[in-house]
């Protein structure tokens, strides 16, 4: 049984910095109350000091999650799904299943930027051994039917295999798309790819770490 419930979302740890007010020393002639805030400037000459130019802080580099490094194999589950995970089924199409059928272990392999090949090294039913990988590929069935994802021999130069994986804004999951068409679930058609226009993405996905990826060498 694959690890479908191990969340891979990235947790951000916010560190609060508390400022504390100081106390001002007074002369022996008069006592002043304890200062509750730091003075902006001390008037010693009557002149207003020139403001000090602030240097913008450099943004901290964003680390690539291990599950997107190409060195880990993952199961993929829809964030708002239940007892189901993604599988390249025996008929070759990407679908959600609630058993061990099809290929359910995937290796997102970096290409450039946020683009990845999504490989699967496991055979029917999870199979033993690595074998030759199969990659996700977009297919247009035609006839006004929605785009779907099917398995195909891996080709880095095939644009239909270039999937963009980006962090979802609303939750701890990832968005998966190809050429601006986003992977989502449809009541009528199962998992499809759809251009959303101004609408927000309807489905996000968790990548659940299942250990080291098979050696590609």
N, C-alpha and C. Protein backbone atom coordinates (compact mmCIF):
# COMPACT_ATOMS: atom_id res chain seq x y z
N UNK A 1 0.86 -1.19 0.00
CA UNK A 1 0.00 0.00 0.00
C UNK A 1 0.89 1.24 0.00
N UNK A 2 0.64 2.16 -0.95
CA UNK A 2 1.47 3.35 -1.06
C UNK A 2 1.15 4.33 0.06
N UNK A 3 2.11 5.19 0.36
CA UNK A 3 1.88 6.22 1.38
C UNK A 3 1.12 7.37 0.75
N UNK A 4 -0.22 7.30 0.80
CA UNK A 4 -1.05 8.34 0.23
C UNK A 4 -1.33 9.46 1.19
N UNK A 5 -1.17 9.23 2.50
CA UNK A 5 -1.60 10.23 3.48
C UNK A 5 -0.48 11.08 4.01
N UNK A 6 0.78 10.78 3.61
CA UNK A 6 1.90 11.56 4.15
C UNK A 6 1.98 12.87 3.41
N UNK A 7 1.57 13.94 4.05
CA UNK A 7 1.55 15.25 3.40
C UNK A 7 2.95 15.74 3.14
N UNK A 8 3.10 16.47 2.02
CA UNK A 8 4.41 17.00 1.72
C UNK A 8 4.42 18.49 1.74
N UNK A 9 3.33 19.03 2.18
CA UNK A 9 3.27 20.48 2.17
C UNK A 9 4.39 21.09 2.94
N UNK A 10 4.77 22.21 2.51
CA UNK A 10 5.87 22.91 3.17
C UNK A 10 5.30 23.81 4.23
N UNK A 11 5.81 23.72 5.48
CA UNK A 11 5.34 24.56 6.57
C UNK A 11 6.30 25.69 6.75
N UNK A 12 5.78 26.94 6.82
CA UNK A 12 6.64 28.10 7.06
C UNK A 12 6.61 28.44 8.52
N UNK A 13 7.78 28.58 9.13
CA UNK A 13 7.88 28.87 10.57
C UNK A 13 8.14 30.35 10.74
N UNK A 14 7.13 31.09 11.26
CA UNK A 14 7.29 32.53 11.42
C UNK A 14 7.90 32.85 12.77
N UNK A 15 8.91 33.69 12.78
CA UNK A 15 9.61 34.01 14.03
C UNK A 15 9.29 35.45 14.38
N UNK A 16 8.61 35.68 15.47
CA UNK A 16 8.26 37.04 15.88
C UNK A 16 9.40 37.71 16.60
N UNK A 17 9.55 38.97 16.35
CA UNK A 17 10.60 39.73 17.03
C UNK A 17 9.92 40.79 17.87
N UNK A 18 10.09 40.72 19.16
CA UNK A 18 9.42 41.67 20.05
C UNK A 18 10.34 42.84 20.33
N UNK A 19 9.85 44.04 20.16
CA UNK A 19 10.64 45.21 20.51
C UNK A 19 10.36 45.63 21.93
N UNK A 20 11.38 46.06 22.65
CA UNK A 20 11.13 46.48 24.01
C UNK A 20 11.61 47.91 24.20
N UNK A 21 10.83 48.72 24.93
CA UNK A 21 11.17 50.12 25.15
C UNK A 21 12.24 50.27 26.18
N UNK A 22 13.08 51.27 26.06
CA UNK A 22 14.14 51.52 27.02
C UNK A 22 13.72 52.57 28.01
N UNK A 23 14.54 52.82 29.06
CA UNK A 23 14.28 53.86 30.04
C UNK A 23 15.31 54.95 29.85
N UNK A 24 14.92 56.18 30.11
CA UNK A 24 15.81 57.33 29.93
C UNK A 24 16.41 57.72 31.26
N UNK A 25 17.69 58.02 31.25
CA UNK A 25 18.35 58.51 32.47
C UNK A 25 17.94 59.96 32.68
N UNK A 26 17.76 60.40 33.92
CA UNK A 26 17.39 61.77 34.23
C UNK A 26 18.43 62.38 35.13
N UNK A 27 18.47 63.77 35.17
CA UNK A 27 19.43 64.41 36.05
C UNK A 27 18.90 64.41 37.47
N UNK A 28 19.73 64.84 38.40
CA UNK A 28 19.34 64.77 39.81
C UNK A 28 18.26 65.77 40.17
N UNK A 29 17.98 66.77 39.31
CA UNK A 29 17.05 67.81 39.68
C UNK A 29 15.60 67.43 39.50
N UNK A 30 15.28 66.56 38.55
CA UNK A 30 13.89 66.22 38.30
C UNK A 30 13.79 64.77 37.90
N UNK A 31 12.69 64.16 38.18
CA UNK A 31 12.45 62.75 37.81
C UNK A 31 11.41 62.71 36.72
N UNK A 32 11.68 61.99 35.68
CA UNK A 32 10.72 61.85 34.58
C UNK A 32 10.21 60.43 34.55
N UNK A 33 8.98 60.21 34.08
CA UNK A 33 8.42 58.86 34.04
C UNK A 33 9.19 57.99 33.06
N UNK A 34 9.09 56.68 33.28
CA UNK A 34 9.77 55.72 32.40
C UNK A 34 9.26 55.87 30.97
N UNK A 35 10.19 55.90 30.00
CA UNK A 35 9.80 56.07 28.60
C UNK A 35 9.07 54.84 28.12
N UNK A 36 7.99 55.05 27.38
CA UNK A 36 7.24 53.92 26.83
C UNK A 36 7.56 53.68 25.37
N UNK A 37 8.28 54.56 24.74
CA UNK A 37 8.72 54.34 23.36
C UNK A 37 10.02 55.09 23.13
N UNK A 38 10.75 54.66 22.14
CA UNK A 38 12.05 55.26 21.84
C UNK A 38 11.86 56.56 21.10
N UNK A 39 12.51 57.66 21.54
CA UNK A 39 12.37 58.95 20.82
C UNK A 39 12.86 58.81 19.39
N UNK A 40 12.21 59.54 18.47
CA UNK A 40 12.62 59.48 17.07
C UNK A 40 13.98 60.13 16.89
N UNK A 41 14.21 61.28 17.50
CA UNK A 41 15.50 61.94 17.41
C UNK A 41 15.67 62.84 18.63
N UNK A 42 16.90 63.05 19.04
CA UNK A 42 17.17 63.94 20.16
C UNK A 42 17.55 65.30 19.62
N UNK A 43 16.85 66.34 20.09
CA UNK A 43 17.11 67.69 19.60
C UNK A 43 18.29 68.25 20.38
N UNK A 44 19.45 68.27 19.77
CA UNK A 44 20.65 68.79 20.43
C UNK A 44 21.11 70.08 19.80
N UNK A 45 20.85 70.28 18.52
CA UNK A 45 21.31 71.49 17.84
C UNK A 45 20.17 72.31 17.28
N UNK A 46 18.94 71.77 17.37
CA UNK A 46 17.83 72.48 16.77
C UNK A 46 17.60 72.10 15.32
N UNK A 47 18.49 71.33 14.75
CA UNK A 47 18.34 70.93 13.36
C UNK A 47 17.69 69.55 13.29
N UNK A 48 16.86 69.36 12.26
CA UNK A 48 16.21 68.06 12.05
C UNK A 48 17.16 67.17 11.29
N UNK A 49 17.52 66.02 11.83
CA UNK A 49 18.46 65.14 11.12
C UNK A 49 17.88 64.60 9.83
N UNK A 50 18.75 64.48 8.84
CA UNK A 50 18.31 63.95 7.54
C UNK A 50 17.95 62.49 7.69
N UNK A 51 16.88 62.04 7.01
CA UNK A 51 16.50 60.62 7.11
C UNK A 51 17.58 59.72 6.53
N UNK A 52 17.74 58.59 7.16
CA UNK A 52 18.73 57.63 6.68
C UNK A 52 18.11 56.72 5.63
N UNK A 53 18.76 56.60 4.49
CA UNK A 53 18.24 55.76 3.41
C UNK A 53 18.28 54.30 3.85
N UNK A 54 17.16 53.61 3.64
CA UNK A 54 17.10 52.20 4.02
C UNK A 54 17.49 51.32 2.84
N UNK A 55 18.20 50.28 3.12
CA UNK A 55 18.61 49.35 2.08
C UNK A 55 17.64 48.18 2.06
N UNK A 56 16.93 47.93 0.94
CA UNK A 56 15.96 46.83 0.92
C UNK A 56 16.65 45.50 1.16
N UNK A 57 16.01 44.69 1.96
CA UNK A 57 16.58 43.37 2.28
C UNK A 57 16.47 42.46 1.07
N UNK A 58 17.50 41.68 0.83
CA UNK A 58 17.46 40.72 -0.26
C UNK A 58 16.53 39.57 0.11
N UNK A 59 15.67 39.15 -0.83
CA UNK A 59 14.77 38.04 -0.51
C UNK A 59 15.55 36.77 -0.26
N UNK A 60 15.09 36.01 0.72
CA UNK A 60 15.76 34.74 1.02
C UNK A 60 15.52 33.76 -0.12
N UNK A 61 16.53 33.00 -0.53
CA UNK A 61 16.34 32.05 -1.61
C UNK A 61 15.34 30.97 -1.21
N UNK A 62 14.52 30.55 -2.17
CA UNK A 62 13.52 29.52 -1.91
C UNK A 62 14.11 28.17 -2.25
N UNK A 63 14.10 27.27 -1.29
CA UNK A 63 14.67 25.94 -1.51
C UNK A 63 13.68 25.08 -2.29
N UNK A 64 14.21 24.27 -3.19
CA UNK A 64 13.37 23.34 -3.93
C UNK A 64 12.98 22.19 -3.01
N UNK A 65 11.68 21.89 -2.90
CA UNK A 65 11.30 20.76 -2.05
C UNK A 65 11.95 19.47 -2.54
N UNK A 66 12.28 18.58 -1.62
CA UNK A 66 12.93 17.33 -1.99
C UNK A 66 12.09 16.53 -2.98
N UNK A 67 10.76 16.61 -2.84
CA UNK A 67 9.90 15.82 -3.72
C UNK A 67 9.93 16.32 -5.16
N UNK A 68 10.52 17.50 -5.40
CA UNK A 68 10.65 18.02 -6.76
C UNK A 68 12.09 18.00 -7.24
N UNK A 69 12.97 17.31 -6.54
CA UNK A 69 14.39 17.31 -6.87
C UNK A 69 14.76 16.29 -7.94
N UNK A 70 13.84 15.37 -8.26
CA UNK A 70 14.16 14.30 -9.20
C UNK A 70 14.84 13.12 -8.55
N UNK A 71 15.05 13.19 -7.23
CA UNK A 71 15.73 12.10 -6.52
C UNK A 71 14.77 11.31 -5.62
N UNK A 72 13.50 11.73 -5.55
CA UNK A 72 12.51 11.06 -4.71
C UNK A 72 11.33 10.60 -5.55
N UNK A 73 10.74 9.48 -5.18
CA UNK A 73 9.51 9.06 -5.84
C UNK A 73 8.34 9.34 -4.91
N UNK A 74 7.21 9.71 -5.50
CA UNK A 74 6.08 10.18 -4.71
C UNK A 74 4.79 9.52 -5.18
N UNK A 75 3.82 9.47 -4.27
CA UNK A 75 2.44 9.30 -4.68
C UNK A 75 1.81 10.68 -4.71
N UNK A 76 0.76 10.84 -5.50
CA UNK A 76 0.13 12.14 -5.66
C UNK A 76 -1.35 12.00 -5.33
N UNK A 77 -1.81 12.82 -4.41
CA UNK A 77 -3.21 12.80 -3.99
C UNK A 77 -3.80 14.19 -4.11
N UNK A 78 -5.06 14.25 -4.46
CA UNK A 78 -5.76 15.53 -4.50
C UNK A 78 -5.99 16.02 -3.08
N UNK A 79 -5.73 17.32 -2.82
CA UNK A 79 -5.83 17.86 -1.48
C UNK A 79 -7.22 17.65 -0.90
N UNK A 80 -8.27 17.86 -1.70
CA UNK A 80 -9.62 17.67 -1.18
C UNK A 80 -10.18 16.30 -1.55
N UNK A 81 -9.29 15.37 -1.93
CA UNK A 81 -9.72 14.00 -2.18
C UNK A 81 -9.75 13.22 -0.87
N UNK A 82 -10.15 11.97 -0.96
CA UNK A 82 -10.27 11.16 0.25
C UNK A 82 -9.38 9.92 0.10
N UNK A 83 -9.95 8.75 -0.03
CA UNK A 83 -9.15 7.52 -0.08
C UNK A 83 -8.79 7.18 -1.52
N UNK A 84 -8.16 8.09 -2.22
CA UNK A 84 -7.80 7.85 -3.62
C UNK A 84 -6.49 8.54 -3.93
N UNK A 85 -5.76 7.98 -4.90
CA UNK A 85 -4.51 8.57 -5.36
C UNK A 85 -4.44 8.50 -6.87
N UNK A 86 -3.50 9.27 -7.44
CA UNK A 86 -3.36 9.29 -8.90
C UNK A 86 -2.63 8.05 -9.39
N UNK A 87 -3.07 7.55 -10.53
CA UNK A 87 -2.49 6.35 -11.12
C UNK A 87 -2.55 6.44 -12.64
N UNK A 88 -1.46 6.01 -13.29
CA UNK A 88 -1.53 5.73 -14.73
C UNK A 88 -2.11 4.33 -14.83
N UNK A 89 -3.37 4.26 -15.15
CA UNK A 89 -4.10 2.99 -15.12
C UNK A 89 -3.63 2.06 -16.23
N UNK A 90 -4.15 0.82 -16.19
CA UNK A 90 -3.74 -0.18 -17.17
C UNK A 90 -4.11 0.21 -18.60
N UNK A 91 -5.12 1.07 -18.76
CA UNK A 91 -5.46 1.53 -20.12
C UNK A 91 -4.66 2.77 -20.50
N UNK A 92 -3.71 3.19 -19.61
CA UNK A 92 -2.77 4.25 -19.96
C UNK A 92 -3.17 5.65 -19.59
N UNK A 93 -4.38 5.83 -19.02
CA UNK A 93 -4.83 7.19 -18.71
C UNK A 93 -4.62 7.49 -17.23
N UNK A 94 -4.31 8.76 -16.92
CA UNK A 94 -4.17 9.21 -15.54
C UNK A 94 -5.56 9.33 -14.92
N UNK A 95 -5.73 8.69 -13.76
CA UNK A 95 -7.03 8.69 -13.08
C UNK A 95 -6.79 8.60 -11.58
N UNK A 96 -7.87 8.78 -10.82
CA UNK A 96 -7.84 8.56 -9.38
C UNK A 96 -8.36 7.16 -9.09
N UNK A 97 -7.62 6.41 -8.26
CA UNK A 97 -8.03 5.06 -7.90
C UNK A 97 -7.93 4.90 -6.39
N UNK A 98 -8.68 3.93 -5.86
CA UNK A 98 -8.64 3.67 -4.42
C UNK A 98 -8.07 2.30 -4.11
N UNK A 99 -7.25 1.76 -5.05
CA UNK A 99 -6.60 0.48 -4.83
C UNK A 99 -5.16 0.58 -5.33
N UNK A 100 -4.51 -0.56 -5.57
CA UNK A 100 -3.10 -0.55 -5.99
C UNK A 100 -2.93 -0.70 -7.50
N UNK A 101 -3.96 -0.46 -8.27
CA UNK A 101 -3.88 -0.70 -9.71
C UNK A 101 -3.06 0.37 -10.41
N UNK A 102 -2.44 -0.03 -11.50
CA UNK A 102 -1.71 0.91 -12.34
C UNK A 102 -0.39 1.35 -11.74
N UNK A 103 0.18 2.40 -12.32
CA UNK A 103 1.44 2.99 -11.85
C UNK A 103 1.13 4.16 -10.93
N UNK A 104 1.54 4.06 -9.70
CA UNK A 104 1.19 5.09 -8.72
C UNK A 104 2.40 5.78 -8.11
N UNK A 105 3.60 5.37 -8.47
CA UNK A 105 4.82 6.01 -7.97
C UNK A 105 5.42 6.86 -9.08
N UNK A 106 5.58 8.15 -8.79
CA UNK A 106 6.02 9.11 -9.81
C UNK A 106 7.28 9.83 -9.35
N UNK A 107 8.08 10.23 -10.33
CA UNK A 107 9.31 10.99 -10.06
C UNK A 107 9.25 12.29 -10.86
N UNK A 108 8.87 13.42 -10.24
CA UNK A 108 8.93 14.71 -10.93
C UNK A 108 10.40 15.07 -11.19
N UNK A 109 10.77 15.15 -12.45
CA UNK A 109 12.18 15.33 -12.83
C UNK A 109 12.37 16.73 -13.41
N UNK A 110 13.19 17.59 -12.79
CA UNK A 110 13.31 18.98 -13.23
C UNK A 110 13.84 19.10 -14.66
N UNK A 111 13.25 20.06 -15.39
CA UNK A 111 13.74 20.44 -16.72
C UNK A 111 14.35 21.84 -16.62
N UNK A 112 13.51 22.84 -16.49
CA UNK A 112 13.98 24.22 -16.29
C UNK A 112 12.89 24.98 -15.57
N UNK A 113 13.30 25.90 -14.69
CA UNK A 113 12.32 26.67 -13.94
C UNK A 113 11.39 25.76 -13.17
N UNK A 114 10.09 25.92 -13.41
CA UNK A 114 9.08 25.10 -12.75
C UNK A 114 8.55 23.99 -13.65
N UNK A 115 9.28 23.68 -14.71
CA UNK A 115 8.85 22.64 -15.65
C UNK A 115 9.50 21.30 -15.31
N UNK A 116 8.70 20.24 -15.43
CA UNK A 116 9.14 18.90 -15.05
C UNK A 116 8.62 17.87 -16.03
N UNK A 117 9.40 16.79 -16.20
CA UNK A 117 8.85 15.52 -16.67
C UNK A 117 8.33 14.79 -15.45
N UNK A 118 7.18 14.15 -15.56
CA UNK A 118 6.67 13.34 -14.45
C UNK A 118 6.76 11.88 -14.89
N UNK A 119 7.79 11.21 -14.40
CA UNK A 119 8.09 9.83 -14.78
C UNK A 119 7.43 8.85 -13.82
N UNK A 120 7.17 7.66 -14.33
CA UNK A 120 6.77 6.55 -13.48
C UNK A 120 7.60 5.34 -13.85
N UNK A 121 8.25 4.74 -12.85
CA UNK A 121 9.14 3.61 -13.10
C UNK A 121 8.50 2.27 -12.74
N UNK A 122 7.31 2.29 -12.18
CA UNK A 122 6.70 1.05 -11.70
C UNK A 122 5.69 0.52 -12.69
N UNK A 123 5.59 -0.80 -12.76
CA UNK A 123 4.67 -1.43 -13.69
C UNK A 123 3.29 -1.60 -13.09
N UNK A 124 2.50 -2.44 -13.71
CA UNK A 124 1.13 -2.68 -13.27
C UNK A 124 1.10 -3.14 -11.82
N UNK A 125 0.22 -2.54 -11.04
CA UNK A 125 0.08 -2.90 -9.64
C UNK A 125 1.26 -2.49 -8.79
N UNK A 126 2.06 -1.57 -9.26
CA UNK A 126 3.22 -1.13 -8.50
C UNK A 126 4.46 -1.91 -8.84
N UNK A 127 4.31 -3.14 -9.37
CA UNK A 127 5.36 -4.00 -9.88
C UNK A 127 6.66 -4.02 -9.10
N UNK A 128 7.44 -5.04 -9.08
CA UNK A 128 8.79 -4.98 -8.54
C UNK A 128 9.76 -4.44 -9.58
N UNK A 129 10.82 -3.82 -9.12
CA UNK A 129 11.85 -3.34 -10.04
C UNK A 129 11.45 -2.05 -10.73
N UNK A 130 12.44 -1.40 -11.34
CA UNK A 130 12.22 -0.09 -11.94
C UNK A 130 11.65 -0.20 -13.35
N UNK A 131 12.32 -0.95 -14.22
CA UNK A 131 11.86 -1.03 -15.59
C UNK A 131 12.03 0.28 -16.33
N UNK A 132 11.52 0.35 -17.54
CA UNK A 132 11.59 1.58 -18.33
C UNK A 132 10.53 2.56 -17.87
N UNK A 133 10.90 3.83 -17.73
CA UNK A 133 9.90 4.80 -17.25
C UNK A 133 8.85 5.12 -18.30
N UNK A 134 7.70 5.52 -17.81
CA UNK A 134 6.62 6.08 -18.63
C UNK A 134 6.38 7.49 -18.11
N UNK A 135 6.14 8.43 -19.01
CA UNK A 135 5.94 9.83 -18.61
C UNK A 135 4.52 10.29 -18.89
N UNK A 136 4.08 11.26 -18.07
CA UNK A 136 2.80 11.90 -18.33
C UNK A 136 2.88 12.67 -19.66
N UNK A 137 1.81 12.59 -20.44
CA UNK A 137 1.75 13.34 -21.70
C UNK A 137 0.31 13.78 -21.95
N UNK A 138 0.15 15.02 -22.37
CA UNK A 138 -1.18 15.55 -22.66
C UNK A 138 -1.70 14.96 -23.96
N UNK A 139 -2.98 14.60 -23.95
CA UNK A 139 -3.63 14.09 -25.16
C UNK A 139 -4.92 14.85 -25.39
N UNK A 140 -5.12 15.25 -26.62
CA UNK A 140 -6.37 15.91 -27.03
C UNK A 140 -7.22 14.90 -27.78
N UNK A 141 -8.30 14.39 -27.15
CA UNK A 141 -9.12 13.38 -27.83
C UNK A 141 -9.90 13.93 -29.01
N UNK A 142 -10.04 15.25 -29.09
CA UNK A 142 -10.81 15.85 -30.17
C UNK A 142 -12.31 15.75 -29.91
N UNK A 143 -13.09 16.25 -30.84
CA UNK A 143 -14.54 16.19 -30.72
C UNK A 143 -15.08 16.93 -29.51
N UNK A 144 -14.48 18.06 -29.17
CA UNK A 144 -14.89 18.90 -28.04
C UNK A 144 -14.73 18.21 -26.70
N UNK A 145 -14.01 17.10 -26.65
CA UNK A 145 -13.74 16.44 -25.37
C UNK A 145 -12.57 17.15 -24.67
N UNK A 146 -12.52 17.08 -23.34
CA UNK A 146 -11.45 17.77 -22.61
C UNK A 146 -10.10 17.08 -22.79
N UNK A 147 -9.03 17.86 -22.56
CA UNK A 147 -7.68 17.31 -22.57
C UNK A 147 -7.52 16.33 -21.41
N UNK A 148 -6.75 15.27 -21.65
CA UNK A 148 -6.48 14.29 -20.59
C UNK A 148 -4.98 14.02 -20.56
N UNK A 149 -4.55 13.27 -19.54
CA UNK A 149 -3.14 12.89 -19.41
C UNK A 149 -3.05 11.37 -19.59
N UNK A 150 -2.10 10.96 -20.44
CA UNK A 150 -1.86 9.54 -20.66
C UNK A 150 -0.37 9.25 -20.50
N UNK A 151 -0.01 7.99 -20.40
CA UNK A 151 1.39 7.59 -20.32
C UNK A 151 1.99 7.44 -21.71
N UNK A 152 3.27 7.82 -21.84
CA UNK A 152 3.98 7.72 -23.12
C UNK A 152 5.47 7.55 -22.84
N UNK A 153 6.20 7.06 -23.85
CA UNK A 153 7.65 6.98 -23.71
C UNK A 153 8.21 8.37 -23.44
N UNK A 154 9.14 8.46 -22.47
CA UNK A 154 9.65 9.76 -22.03
C UNK A 154 10.50 10.43 -23.11
N UNK A 155 10.20 11.72 -23.36
CA UNK A 155 10.97 12.54 -24.31
C UNK A 155 11.08 13.94 -23.75
N UNK A 156 12.31 14.35 -23.45
CA UNK A 156 12.49 15.69 -22.88
C UNK A 156 12.16 16.79 -23.87
N UNK A 157 12.19 16.51 -25.18
CA UNK A 157 11.92 17.53 -26.18
C UNK A 157 10.45 17.58 -26.59
N UNK A 158 9.60 16.85 -25.88
CA UNK A 158 8.17 16.82 -26.19
C UNK A 158 7.42 17.81 -25.29
N UNK A 159 6.92 18.94 -25.85
CA UNK A 159 6.24 19.95 -25.01
C UNK A 159 5.03 19.39 -24.27
N UNK A 160 4.37 18.39 -24.81
CA UNK A 160 3.19 17.83 -24.14
C UNK A 160 3.56 17.09 -22.86
N UNK A 161 4.86 16.86 -22.65
CA UNK A 161 5.32 16.22 -21.43
C UNK A 161 5.91 17.22 -20.43
N UNK A 162 5.88 18.49 -20.75
CA UNK A 162 6.44 19.52 -19.87
C UNK A 162 5.34 20.05 -18.95
N UNK A 163 5.35 19.59 -17.71
CA UNK A 163 4.33 19.98 -16.75
C UNK A 163 4.91 21.01 -15.77
N UNK A 164 4.16 22.09 -15.58
CA UNK A 164 4.54 23.11 -14.61
C UNK A 164 3.96 22.72 -13.25
N UNK A 165 4.82 22.70 -12.24
CA UNK A 165 4.40 22.39 -10.87
C UNK A 165 4.73 23.60 -10.00
N UNK A 166 3.70 24.19 -9.41
CA UNK A 166 3.90 25.39 -8.60
C UNK A 166 3.10 25.27 -7.31
N UNK A 167 3.56 25.99 -6.28
CA UNK A 167 2.87 25.96 -4.99
C UNK A 167 1.50 26.60 -5.11
N UNK A 168 0.51 25.97 -4.52
CA UNK A 168 -0.84 26.53 -4.49
C UNK A 168 -0.91 27.63 -3.45
N UNK A 169 -1.64 28.70 -3.75
CA UNK A 169 -1.77 29.81 -2.80
C UNK A 169 -2.69 29.47 -1.64
N UNK A 170 -3.71 28.66 -1.89
CA UNK A 170 -4.76 28.46 -0.91
C UNK A 170 -4.46 27.38 0.12
N UNK A 171 -3.52 26.48 -0.17
CA UNK A 171 -3.29 25.36 0.74
C UNK A 171 -1.84 24.90 0.59
N UNK A 172 -1.54 23.74 1.17
CA UNK A 172 -0.17 23.24 1.19
C UNK A 172 0.18 22.39 -0.03
N UNK A 173 -0.69 22.33 -0.99
CA UNK A 173 -0.47 21.48 -2.15
C UNK A 173 0.22 22.18 -3.30
N UNK A 174 0.20 21.51 -4.45
CA UNK A 174 0.81 22.02 -5.68
C UNK A 174 -0.24 22.08 -6.78
N UNK A 175 -0.05 23.02 -7.71
CA UNK A 175 -0.84 23.08 -8.93
C UNK A 175 -0.04 22.43 -10.05
N UNK A 176 -0.72 21.69 -10.91
CA UNK A 176 -0.07 20.99 -12.02
C UNK A 176 -0.73 21.46 -13.30
N UNK A 177 0.08 21.92 -14.25
CA UNK A 177 -0.48 22.43 -15.50
C UNK A 177 0.45 22.14 -16.66
N UNK A 178 -0.11 22.27 -17.87
CA UNK A 178 0.65 22.17 -19.11
C UNK A 178 0.12 23.22 -20.05
N UNK A 179 1.00 24.15 -20.42
CA UNK A 179 0.62 25.20 -21.37
C UNK A 179 -0.66 25.92 -20.92
N UNK A 180 -0.70 26.28 -19.63
CA UNK A 180 -1.80 27.05 -19.02
C UNK A 180 -3.09 26.25 -18.85
N UNK A 181 -3.08 24.95 -19.13
CA UNK A 181 -4.23 24.10 -18.83
C UNK A 181 -3.93 23.33 -17.54
N UNK A 182 -4.82 23.47 -16.54
CA UNK A 182 -4.57 22.95 -15.20
C UNK A 182 -5.25 21.61 -15.00
N UNK A 183 -4.53 20.73 -14.29
CA UNK A 183 -5.09 19.43 -13.93
C UNK A 183 -6.16 19.63 -12.87
N UNK A 184 -7.33 19.05 -13.10
CA UNK A 184 -8.43 19.16 -12.15
C UNK A 184 -9.31 17.92 -12.28
N UNK A 185 -10.16 17.74 -11.29
CA UNK A 185 -11.11 16.64 -11.35
C UNK A 185 -12.45 17.15 -11.87
N UNK A 186 -13.08 16.31 -12.68
CA UNK A 186 -14.37 16.64 -13.25
C UNK A 186 -15.34 15.51 -12.92
N UNK A 187 -16.55 15.86 -12.49
CA UNK A 187 -17.54 14.85 -12.14
C UNK A 187 -17.87 13.96 -13.34
N UNK A 188 -17.89 14.54 -14.52
CA UNK A 188 -18.27 13.78 -15.70
C UNK A 188 -17.10 13.03 -16.33
N UNK A 189 -15.89 13.61 -16.29
CA UNK A 189 -14.79 13.08 -17.09
C UNK A 189 -13.57 12.65 -16.27
N UNK A 190 -13.64 12.72 -14.95
CA UNK A 190 -12.48 12.35 -14.13
C UNK A 190 -11.41 13.43 -14.18
N UNK A 191 -10.14 13.03 -14.22
CA UNK A 191 -9.04 14.00 -14.26
C UNK A 191 -8.88 14.54 -15.68
N UNK A 192 -8.93 15.85 -15.78
CA UNK A 192 -8.78 16.51 -17.07
C UNK A 192 -7.84 17.69 -16.92
N UNK A 193 -7.42 18.26 -18.05
CA UNK A 193 -6.68 19.51 -18.09
C UNK A 193 -7.58 20.56 -18.71
N UNK A 194 -7.64 21.73 -18.06
CA UNK A 194 -8.57 22.75 -18.52
C UNK A 194 -7.97 24.13 -18.35
N UNK A 195 -8.10 24.96 -19.38
CA UNK A 195 -7.72 26.37 -19.26
C UNK A 195 -8.79 27.08 -18.44
N UNK A 196 -8.36 27.88 -17.47
CA UNK A 196 -9.30 28.42 -16.50
C UNK A 196 -9.67 29.87 -16.74
N UNK A 197 -8.96 30.58 -17.60
CA UNK A 197 -9.23 31.99 -17.77
C UNK A 197 -8.96 32.74 -16.48
N UNK A 198 -9.95 33.51 -16.01
CA UNK A 198 -9.80 34.28 -14.77
C UNK A 198 -10.19 33.48 -13.53
N UNK A 199 -10.68 32.27 -13.70
CA UNK A 199 -11.10 31.47 -12.55
C UNK A 199 -9.88 30.89 -11.84
N UNK A 200 -9.94 30.71 -10.51
CA UNK A 200 -8.82 30.08 -9.79
C UNK A 200 -8.77 28.59 -10.08
N UNK A 201 -7.59 27.99 -9.96
CA UNK A 201 -7.49 26.54 -10.16
C UNK A 201 -8.42 25.79 -9.22
N UNK A 202 -9.06 24.73 -9.73
CA UNK A 202 -10.07 24.02 -8.95
C UNK A 202 -9.48 22.90 -8.12
N UNK A 203 -8.32 22.37 -8.50
CA UNK A 203 -7.74 21.22 -7.78
C UNK A 203 -6.27 21.46 -7.50
N UNK A 204 -5.85 21.09 -6.30
CA UNK A 204 -4.43 21.09 -5.95
C UNK A 204 -4.08 19.71 -5.42
N UNK A 205 -2.76 19.41 -5.37
CA UNK A 205 -2.33 18.04 -5.14
C UNK A 205 -1.18 18.00 -4.13
N UNK A 206 -1.19 16.96 -3.29
CA UNK A 206 -0.09 16.69 -2.38
C UNK A 206 0.86 15.68 -3.02
N UNK A 207 2.17 15.91 -2.82
CA UNK A 207 3.19 14.97 -3.28
C UNK A 207 3.74 14.28 -2.03
N UNK A 208 3.47 12.99 -1.89
CA UNK A 208 3.81 12.24 -0.69
C UNK A 208 5.07 11.41 -0.91
N UNK A 209 6.11 11.73 -0.15
CA UNK A 209 7.42 11.09 -0.34
C UNK A 209 7.35 9.59 -0.08
N UNK A 210 7.83 8.80 -1.05
CA UNK A 210 7.88 7.34 -0.91
C UNK A 210 9.29 6.80 -1.08
N UNK A 211 10.29 7.62 -0.74
CA UNK A 211 11.66 7.12 -0.75
C UNK A 211 12.44 7.50 -1.99
N UNK A 212 13.69 7.01 -2.08
CA UNK A 212 14.56 7.37 -3.20
C UNK A 212 13.99 6.90 -4.54
N UNK A 213 14.22 7.73 -5.55
CA UNK A 213 13.81 7.36 -6.91
C UNK A 213 14.73 6.28 -7.46
N UNK A 214 14.22 5.46 -8.38
CA UNK A 214 15.10 4.47 -9.02
C UNK A 214 16.26 5.16 -9.75
N UNK A 215 17.39 4.49 -9.80
CA UNK A 215 18.57 5.01 -10.47
C UNK A 215 18.32 5.01 -11.97
N UNK A 216 18.50 6.19 -12.61
CA UNK A 216 18.24 6.29 -14.03
C UNK A 216 19.46 5.90 -14.87
N UNK A 217 20.62 5.69 -14.23
CA UNK A 217 21.83 5.38 -14.98
C UNK A 217 21.92 3.90 -15.32
